[in-house]
Amino acid sequence: MRDVSPTVPDRHPMALTDQRGRRLFAWFPPGTAADRAHVLPGPVYAALCRMCGLADDRPWVAFDDRVEAVLAMAAAVLAAGYRLGPAPT
C-alpha cells in the first residue's frame, strides 16, 4: 500500500543568536517571512508547540541545541500524521 501521508521535506532549524550571545535553533509557523527550510506546515508547528507546552500562535519556537530542534520537529511530524522525506511521486 502506498503511503499518502503529507510530507515535510528538506527542513532544518534557523540558527539565531539572542541578545546574550547564545546560539539558538528555531522553527517558524506558516506565513513567516523566513526561508522555507525553517518554516513548518501548520499542523506540524502546532504539534511542536503543544509538545513544548507553548501556545501555537507563537512567532517561533527555539531550542538551545540543533539536535534537540531536529528531534522535536521529527516528533511533531509524526504527531501531526505527516512523514519526513520527499513527497510521493
Foldseek 3Di string as FASTA:
>chain_A
DDDQAAEDEQAFFDWDADPVRQTKTKAAEPPDPDPSNRYDYLQLLCLLQVVVVHHSVDGMDIDRDRVVVVVSSQVSCVVSRHHYDDHDD
